[in-house]
Amino acid sequence: QVQFVESGGGLVQPGGSLRLSCAASKNIFSTFGMGWYRRAPGKQRELVASMSPTGVTNFADAVKGRFTVIGNSGKNMLVLQMNELKPDDTAVYYCNVANLPSPFDWGQGTQVTVSS
C-alpha cells in the first residue's frame, strides 16, 4: 500500500500564499503521476492540479493562473504553490495519483483556510 503525507496547510488572509507538499511512500510518480485534490465543506472532492508521469500539468479552471505544481519524480513528491488565495479555496487538500480512480487510499489531508 502507498501512503500519501500532505503538509503545509494553515490559515491565510485573502490574497496570500501557501505552499503545500506531498510525499508518497513508494515509487508511484513514474507510473501514475501525482495530483492535488480538495474537499470544501458540503462539497465533493475535486481535482485542483496534477502532473502526469511525463510532466504534463492540468489545473482546475478555478485555480488557473494562481496555482502551480512542482513535481519531483525521483522523490515522489508534488508541491502545490498557491498564490492569490481566495475564501473559496478553503478546503482540506489531499494528494494522490494524477487520475482517479486511485488504487491507493487517501491520506489525512491538510487544512487550508482563507479568511480575514
Protein backbone atom coordinates (compact mmCIF):
# COMPACT_ATOMS: atom_id res chain seq x y z
CA GLN A 1 0.00 0.00 0.00
CA VAL A 2 1.07 3.58 -0.65
CA GLN A 3 0.79 6.34 1.90
CA PHE A 4 0.46 10.00 0.99
CA VAL A 5 1.60 12.60 3.52
CA GLU A 6 0.41 16.16 2.97
CA SER A 7 1.74 19.20 4.78
CA GLY A 8 1.87 22.97 4.61
CA GLY A 9 -1.72 23.98 5.22
CA GLY A 10 -2.82 26.74 7.53
CA LEU A 11 -4.74 29.97 7.92
CA VAL A 12 -4.02 32.72 5.43
CA GLN A 13 -5.65 36.00 4.54
CA PRO A 14 -7.26 36.54 1.14
CA GLY A 15 -4.60 37.38 -1.41
CA GLY A 16 -1.96 35.46 0.48
CA SER A 17 0.08 32.41 -0.48
CA LEU A 18 0.69 28.92 0.81
CA ARG A 19 2.90 26.08 -0.31
CA LEU A 20 1.68 22.52 0.16
CA SER A 21 3.92 19.49 -0.05
CA CYS A 22 3.05 15.88 -0.63
CA ALA A 23 5.26 12.84 -0.38
CA ALA A 24 4.31 9.34 -1.46
CA SER A 25 5.80 6.42 0.44
CA LYS A 26 6.57 4.40 -2.69
CA ASN A 27 7.75 4.99 -6.21
CA ILE A 28 4.48 5.81 -7.94
CA PHE A 29 5.18 9.07 -9.73
CA SER A 30 6.75 7.47 -12.79
CA THR A 31 3.73 5.22 -13.27
CA PHE A 32 0.76 7.22 -12.07
CA GLY A 33 1.85 10.83 -11.79
CA MET A 34 0.53 12.77 -8.81
CA GLY A 35 -2.22 15.26 -8.17
CA TRP A 36 -3.71 17.59 -5.61
CA TYR A 37 -7.39 17.45 -4.76
CA ARG A 38 -9.56 19.35 -2.33
CA ARG A 39 -12.83 18.94 -0.50
CA ALA A 40 -14.63 22.03 0.67
CA PRO A 41 -17.34 21.81 3.35
CA GLY A 42 -20.50 20.35 1.87
CA LYS A 43 -18.90 19.64 -1.49
CA GLN A 44 -17.39 16.66 -3.23
CA ARG A 45 -13.68 16.19 -3.62
CA GLU A 46 -12.40 17.83 -6.78
CA LEU A 47 -9.19 17.97 -8.75
CA VAL A 48 -7.04 21.04 -8.14
CA ALA A 49 -3.92 20.30 -10.15
CA SER A 50 -2.00 17.30 -11.38
CA MET A 51 1.21 16.30 -13.08
CA SER A 52 1.48 13.26 -15.32
CA PRO A 53 4.49 10.92 -15.33
CA THR A 54 5.79 12.90 -18.33
CA GLY A 55 5.40 16.25 -16.60
CA VAL A 56 2.20 17.41 -18.26
CA THR A 57 0.21 19.57 -15.88
CA ASN A 58 -3.52 20.04 -15.55
CA PHE A 59 -5.32 22.67 -13.47
CA ALA A 60 -8.90 23.25 -12.46
CA ASP A 61 -10.33 26.36 -14.10
CA ALA A 62 -10.84 27.94 -10.69
CA VAL A 63 -7.10 27.94 -9.93
CA LYS A 64 -5.53 28.56 -13.33
CA GLY A 65 -3.09 31.42 -13.20
CA ARG A 66 -2.91 31.32 -9.39
CA PHE A 67 -1.64 27.83 -8.55
CA THR A 68 1.37 25.97 -9.86
CA VAL A 69 2.73 22.47 -9.25
CA ILE A 70 6.32 21.37 -8.91
CA GLY A 71 6.99 17.68 -9.25
CA ASN A 72 9.96 15.60 -8.16
CA SER A 73 9.59 12.19 -9.71
CA GLY A 74 12.69 10.79 -8.05
CA LYS A 75 11.43 11.67 -4.59
CA ASN A 76 7.79 11.01 -5.38
CA MET A 77 6.85 14.48 -4.23
CA LEU A 78 4.47 17.09 -5.54
CA VAL A 79 4.40 20.67 -4.32
CA LEU A 80 1.39 22.92 -4.80
CA GLN A 81 2.22 26.63 -4.78
CA MET A 82 -0.94 28.60 -4.15
CA ASN A 83 -0.98 32.34 -4.74
CA GLU A 84 -3.73 34.96 -4.65
CA LEU A 85 -5.76 32.76 -2.36
CA LYS A 86 -9.49 33.32 -2.08
CA PRO A 87 -12.02 32.30 0.58
CA ASP A 88 -13.41 29.79 -1.96
CA ASP A 89 -10.07 27.99 -1.79
CA THR A 90 -10.84 26.97 1.79
CA ALA A 91 -10.84 23.17 1.91
CA VAL A 92 -8.97 20.12 3.02
CA TYR A 93 -6.30 19.42 0.42
CA TYR A 94 -5.27 15.88 -0.43
CA CYS A 95 -2.79 14.37 -2.80
CA ASN A 96 -3.00 11.09 -4.68
CA VAL A 97 -2.35 9.87 -8.20
CA ALA A 98 -2.90 12.14 -11.18
CA ASN A 99 -6.01 10.39 -12.49
CA LEU A 100 -8.85 8.92 -10.49
CA PRO A 101 -9.99 6.41 -9.53
CA SER A 102 -6.92 5.74 -7.49
CA PRO A 103 -5.77 2.26 -6.48
CA PHE A 104 -4.47 3.79 -3.24
CA ASP A 105 -6.07 5.11 -0.09
CA TRP A 106 -6.33 8.80 0.67
CA GLY A 107 -4.15 10.42 3.30
CA GLN A 108 -5.24 12.71 6.12
CA GLY A 109 -5.04 15.83 4.01
CA THR A 110 -4.05 19.30 5.12
CA GLN A 111 -6.49 22.07 6.00
CA VAL A 112 -6.30 25.36 4.13
CA THR A 113 -8.40 28.21 5.46
CA VAL A 114 -8.54 31.54 3.67
CA SER A 115 -10.11 34.16 5.85
CA SER A 116 -9.57 37.68 7.08
